[in-house]
Amino acid sequence: MSSRKRKKRIRKENIRNENIVRYLIACEGKETEVNYFEGIKKKFEEKGLLRRDSTVFDLKKYNFEIKGVERGTDELLKEVNRYINRNSNIYDNIWLVFDKDNFSDESFNYTIEQSKNNGYSVAWSNKCFELWFLLYFEYNDSNLNCKNYIEKLDTNVKKNINEKGYKKNRKDMFEILERYSGWKKAYKNAEKLVNKFKNEKSYAKKAPYTTVYYLVKELCEIIEKQDKK
């Protein structure tokens, strides 16, 4: 290919891609988190925000079979680094979504710091992602285990939405939660938790706590701007 033709192709590609914003949302789980963000992606598609010749989102689904706390959440970070090194796509925004669960404090804090050092954003929850769902219904500052959060969430879904209750593999969680109260209520409740622990330096000691609202706010505000056009 001649130098002139190559430059022409590059210019065309730059023109075609200059308005595309690419997200890589790497989730530790393969169902709960992925299904929720797929719901947001669906809303982008409904609003005409997805490009036909490319994608606004590259939603990579990760499933880690991690046994024991010694291996820690850094396995997600390692896999994201490997994936990006193998992939020719250039992402504008890279988010890691993971939970504290039963991982050690050291492993959890390390993963957050290293993710930031790599230039990634983090949407983490302590103890689990279901805390974010629960905040759609109520403010909760009780440091419960994951089982208790799921039980409280199930009760709220059955009482306020439908008899199916909550299942980790439900594909319509974003849709039903938005229909019930909307992300802004969950956002305000999450902000209260952040303010409660503003003097705590250790991420692992902030419980209950979630930064998922940063990512959700960013995405949902894009959708809302489209609605105003």
Foldseek 3Di string as FASTA:
>chain_A
DDPVVVVVVVVVVCVVPVPAAEEEEEEADQAQVLLQVVLLLVLCVVLVNADPVHGNYDYDGHYDPDDDQPVAPCVSVVVVVVVVVVDPDDHPAYEYEEAQAPHDLVRVQVNCVVCVVVVHHYKYFVHDPLLLLVLLPHQDQDQDHPVVSQVSQQVCCVVQPHVVGDDSRDNCSNVRSCVRRRNVSSLVSQVVLCVVCVPPDRPNPSPRHTRNSVVVVVSVVVSVVSVVD
